[in-house]
Amino acid sequence: MIAPEVLAKYLGRGEDALALAKRAVEEVDKTAVCRAVEATARLVRKDGRLFAENTVLEFRGSDIARLLEGSDAVYYFCATIGVGTDRLIERLKLTDLTLAYAVDLCAGLWVDAYCDELEEKQRERLKENGRTLTRRFSCGYGDMPLSSQGAFIEALKADKFLGIRLTEGGMMIPSKTVSAVAGIGFAEKKAERRCDVCVKRGSCEGGFCGD
């Protein structure tokens, strides 16, 4: 769950922003159903390319390659809060555009917080065996192409288990869905902020990105 105070800072200042945030959080809380499919695999390096062993999943781009330096395995997942929130947003667009905007922002924060939980749980599991986990990295960050999302869905069978599908433009449905990968290794890597390599850095409408 997202605290209204956290959402409010993206909506403005004062009591009106906080009241709107509280309404949005209440609405998302009614519809969000957090579900995920997770897996780990050995990281294969071949001819300068990176793959999750025995899958169709290839990690393309210099940014993800840099993140996975020193890793010998990967943790990857698809996570969603479900189609109910998408339907809620579409209904609100017909009756209350301001609330629809707030709910959309809240839902984005909600799924991101869920991903944080998944990542932290995996990090704790690995720590028991002396292993470490990098931060997660998603398609569309840096130079990792958005088109890679189809491989995540196929490798995890997320279409079967979560009902996730792609639009012709490569966007996932439900829209509040995230695919991501993190490197598993022994050496601790200095974490970069995800915003530092995001293609939307500085132009994110929700204000999630750094300047």
Protein backbone atom coordinates (compact mmCIF):
# COMPACT_ATOMS: atom_id res chain seq x y z
CA MET A 1 0.00 0.00 0.00
CA ILE A 2 1.11 3.56 -0.75
CA ALA A 3 0.83 6.18 1.97
CA PRO A 4 -1.32 9.14 0.86
CA GLU A 5 1.45 11.48 2.00
CA VAL A 6 3.83 9.87 -0.52
CA LEU A 7 1.38 10.24 -3.39
CA ALA A 8 0.43 13.78 -2.41
CA LYS A 9 3.89 15.15 -3.16
CA TYR A 10 3.30 14.34 -6.84
CA LEU A 11 -0.09 16.06 -6.85
CA GLY A 12 0.74 19.46 -5.43
CA ARG A 13 0.76 21.07 -2.03
CA GLY A 14 -1.69 21.60 0.76
CA GLU A 15 -4.78 19.88 2.05
CA ASP A 16 -6.42 19.56 -1.37
CA ALA A 17 -3.52 17.47 -2.69
CA LEU A 18 -3.58 15.26 0.39
CA ALA A 19 -7.34 14.79 0.19
CA LEU A 20 -7.06 13.80 -3.48
CA ALA A 21 -4.23 11.41 -2.64
CA LYS A 22 -6.32 9.75 0.06
CA ARG A 23 -9.19 9.22 -2.38
CA ALA A 24 -6.82 7.76 -4.98
CA VAL A 25 -5.20 5.38 -2.50
CA GLU A 26 -8.61 4.17 -1.35
CA GLU A 27 -9.67 3.49 -4.95
CA VAL A 28 -6.50 1.61 -5.87
CA ASP A 29 -6.67 -0.40 -2.66
CA LYS A 30 -10.06 -1.72 -3.78
CA THR A 31 -8.84 -2.93 -7.17
CA ALA A 32 -5.13 -3.76 -6.94
CA VAL A 33 -4.30 -7.47 -6.89
CA CYS A 34 -0.54 -7.95 -6.61
CA ARG A 35 0.74 -11.03 -8.41
CA ALA A 36 4.10 -12.04 -9.84
CA VAL A 37 6.00 -14.80 -11.60
CA GLU A 38 9.68 -15.05 -10.61
CA ALA A 39 12.64 -17.16 -11.70
CA THR A 40 16.41 -17.41 -11.48
CA ALA A 41 18.82 -18.72 -14.09
CA ARG A 42 22.53 -18.95 -14.77
CA LEU A 43 23.82 -16.01 -16.78
CA VAL A 44 25.35 -17.13 -20.05
CA ARG A 45 27.86 -14.96 -21.93
CA LYS A 46 28.38 -15.89 -25.57
CA ASP A 47 29.88 -13.85 -28.41
CA GLY A 48 29.43 -10.65 -26.46
CA ARG A 49 25.78 -11.37 -25.75
CA LEU A 50 24.00 -12.14 -22.45
CA PHE A 51 21.32 -14.77 -21.95
CA ALA A 52 19.36 -16.40 -19.14
CA GLU A 53 20.31 -20.06 -19.52
CA ASN A 54 17.73 -22.32 -21.19
CA THR A 55 15.36 -19.44 -21.96
CA VAL A 56 14.61 -17.08 -24.84
CA LEU A 57 15.62 -14.18 -22.61
CA GLU A 58 18.50 -12.07 -23.93
CA PHE A 59 19.71 -8.94 -22.13
CA ARG A 60 20.55 -6.39 -24.79
CA GLY A 61 22.25 -3.06 -24.34
CA SER A 62 25.39 -1.67 -22.79
CA ASP A 63 23.60 -0.43 -19.65
CA ILE A 64 22.29 -3.85 -18.62
CA ALA A 65 25.66 -5.39 -19.54
CA ARG A 66 27.36 -2.96 -17.16
CA LEU A 67 24.87 -3.76 -14.40
CA LEU A 68 25.45 -7.51 -14.79
CA GLU A 69 29.24 -7.30 -14.67
CA GLY A 70 30.40 -9.63 -11.91
CA SER A 71 27.11 -11.56 -11.88
CA ASP A 72 26.96 -15.25 -12.73
CA ALA A 73 23.18 -15.60 -12.49
CA VAL A 74 20.06 -13.49 -12.81
CA TYR A 75 16.79 -13.05 -10.97
CA TYR A 76 13.96 -11.96 -13.26
CA PHE A 77 10.24 -11.47 -12.88
CA CYS A 78 6.98 -10.04 -14.14
CA ALA A 79 4.76 -8.33 -11.57
CA THR A 80 1.33 -6.74 -11.93
CA ILE A 81 -1.46 -5.25 -9.88
CA GLY A 82 -4.05 -6.54 -12.33
CA VAL A 83 -6.50 -5.32 -14.91
CA GLY A 84 -9.02 -4.07 -12.35
CA THR A 85 -7.06 -0.86 -11.83
CA ASP A 86 -6.88 -0.25 -15.59
CA ARG A 87 -10.65 -0.53 -15.77
CA LEU A 88 -11.03 1.82 -12.82
CA ILE A 89 -8.87 4.47 -14.49
CA GLU A 90 -10.84 4.23 -17.74
CA ARG A 91 -14.14 4.65 -15.87
CA LEU A 92 -12.83 7.65 -13.96
CA LYS A 93 -11.69 9.34 -17.18
CA LEU A 94 -15.36 9.62 -18.07
CA THR A 95 -16.43 11.16 -14.77
CA ASP A 96 -13.48 12.68 -12.89
CA LEU A 97 -10.28 13.37 -14.82
CA THR A 98 -8.48 14.76 -11.78
CA LEU A 99 -9.11 11.62 -9.76
CA ALA A 100 -8.26 9.46 -12.78
CA TYR A 101 -4.86 11.16 -12.99
CA ALA A 102 -4.24 10.66 -9.27
CA VAL A 103 -5.27 7.00 -9.43
CA ASP A 104 -2.99 6.44 -12.42
CA LEU A 105 -0.03 7.89 -10.50
CA CYS A 106 -0.94 5.93 -7.40
CA ALA A 107 -1.17 2.67 -9.35
CA GLY A 108 2.28 3.26 -10.83
CA LEU A 109 3.75 3.80 -7.37
CA TRP A 110 1.84 0.77 -6.10
CA VAL A 111 3.30 -1.69 -8.60
CA ASP A 112 6.76 -0.18 -8.12
CA ALA A 113 6.49 -0.68 -4.36
CA TYR A 114 5.40 -4.27 -4.96
CA CYS A 115 8.50 -4.79 -7.11
CA ASP A 116 10.60 -3.34 -4.27
CA GLU A 117 9.12 -5.99 -1.96
CA LEU A 118 9.88 -8.80 -4.40
CA GLU A 119 13.42 -7.55 -4.88
CA GLU A 120 14.06 -7.22 -1.15
CA LYS A 121 12.71 -10.70 -0.39
CA GLN A 122 14.98 -12.19 -3.05
CA ARG A 123 17.91 -10.21 -1.69
CA GLU A 124 17.29 -11.62 1.79
CA ARG A 125 17.05 -15.17 0.46
CA LEU A 126 20.34 -14.80 -1.38
CA LYS A 127 22.06 -13.24 1.62
CA GLU A 128 21.60 -16.48 3.54
CA ASN A 129 23.94 -18.14 1.03
CA GLY A 130 26.44 -15.31 0.89
CA ARG A 131 25.09 -14.04 -2.41
CA THR A 132 24.20 -10.52 -3.47
CA LEU A 133 21.63 -8.94 -5.77
CA THR A 134 22.02 -5.83 -7.90
CA ARG A 135 19.19 -3.36 -8.26
CA ARG A 136 16.57 -4.34 -10.80
CA PHE A 137 16.56 -3.16 -14.40
CA SER A 138 13.58 -3.07 -16.76
CA CYS A 139 13.03 -2.92 -20.50
CA GLY A 140 13.03 0.71 -21.57
CA TYR A 141 15.69 1.74 -19.04
CA GLY A 142 18.79 3.10 -20.72
CA ASP A 143 19.42 1.30 -23.99
CA MET A 144 17.69 -1.97 -23.07
CA PRO A 145 14.92 -2.10 -25.71
CA LEU A 146 11.26 -2.14 -24.77
CA SER A 147 10.80 -4.93 -27.33
CA SER A 148 12.53 -7.31 -24.90
CA GLN A 149 9.36 -7.47 -22.83
CA GLY A 150 7.97 -10.21 -25.03
CA ALA A 151 10.90 -12.45 -24.10
CA PHE A 152 10.26 -11.87 -20.39
CA ILE A 153 6.63 -12.86 -20.82
CA GLU A 154 7.55 -15.96 -22.81
CA ALA A 155 10.34 -17.05 -20.47
CA LEU A 156 8.12 -16.71 -17.40
CA LYS A 157 4.88 -17.85 -19.08
CA ALA A 158 3.41 -14.65 -17.67
CA ASP A 159 0.66 -14.73 -20.28
CA LYS A 160 -0.54 -18.03 -18.83
CA PHE A 161 -0.03 -17.34 -15.13
CA LEU A 162 -0.77 -13.61 -14.98
CA GLY A 163 -2.77 -12.92 -18.14
CA ILE A 164 -0.18 -10.43 -19.38
CA ARG A 165 -0.11 -9.58 -23.07
CA LEU A 166 1.57 -7.03 -25.32
CA THR A 167 0.06 -4.32 -27.47
CA GLU A 168 1.31 -3.82 -31.03
CA GLY A 169 3.50 -1.05 -29.67
CA GLY A 170 5.14 -3.39 -27.15
CA MET A 171 3.37 -2.10 -24.04
CA MET A 172 2.13 -4.59 -21.48
CA ILE A 173 -1.49 -5.11 -20.50
CA PRO A 174 -2.44 -4.70 -17.68
CA SER A 175 -0.64 -1.38 -17.93
CA LYS A 176 0.54 -1.45 -14.31
CA THR A 177 2.85 -4.37 -15.00
CA VAL A 178 6.63 -4.50 -14.67
CA SER A 179 9.20 -6.89 -16.09
CA ALA A 180 12.66 -6.68 -14.58
CA VAL A 181 15.98 -8.42 -14.07
CA ALA A 182 18.69 -8.17 -11.43
CA GLY A 183 22.13 -9.73 -11.30
CA ILE A 184 23.13 -12.36 -8.75
CA GLY A 185 26.74 -12.57 -7.64
CA PHE A 186 29.17 -12.41 -4.76
CA ALA A 187 30.76 -8.97 -5.15
CA GLU A 188 28.74 -6.02 -3.96
CA LYS A 189 28.16 -3.48 -6.73
CA LYS A 190 27.57 0.20 -6.15
CA ALA A 191 23.94 0.82 -7.02
CA GLU A 192 22.94 3.33 -9.64
CA ARG A 193 19.60 5.04 -9.46
CA ARG A 194 17.22 3.63 -12.06
CA CYS A 195 16.44 7.21 -13.10
CA ASP A 196 20.06 7.75 -14.13
CA VAL A 197 19.71 5.55 -17.20
CA CYS A 198 15.98 5.83 -17.91
CA VAL A 199 15.07 7.16 -21.35
CA LYS A 200 12.34 9.29 -19.70
CA ARG A 201 14.78 10.98 -17.32
CA GLY A 202 13.77 14.60 -16.88
CA SER A 203 10.49 14.24 -18.80
CA CYS A 204 8.56 11.79 -16.61
CA GLU A 205 5.01 13.15 -16.29
CA GLY A 206 4.59 11.60 -12.88
CA GLY A 207 7.68 13.27 -11.51
CA PHE A 208 9.35 9.94 -10.73
CA CYS A 209 12.59 10.80 -12.52
CA GLY A 210 15.48 12.89 -11.36
CA ASP A 211 16.37 16.15 -13.02
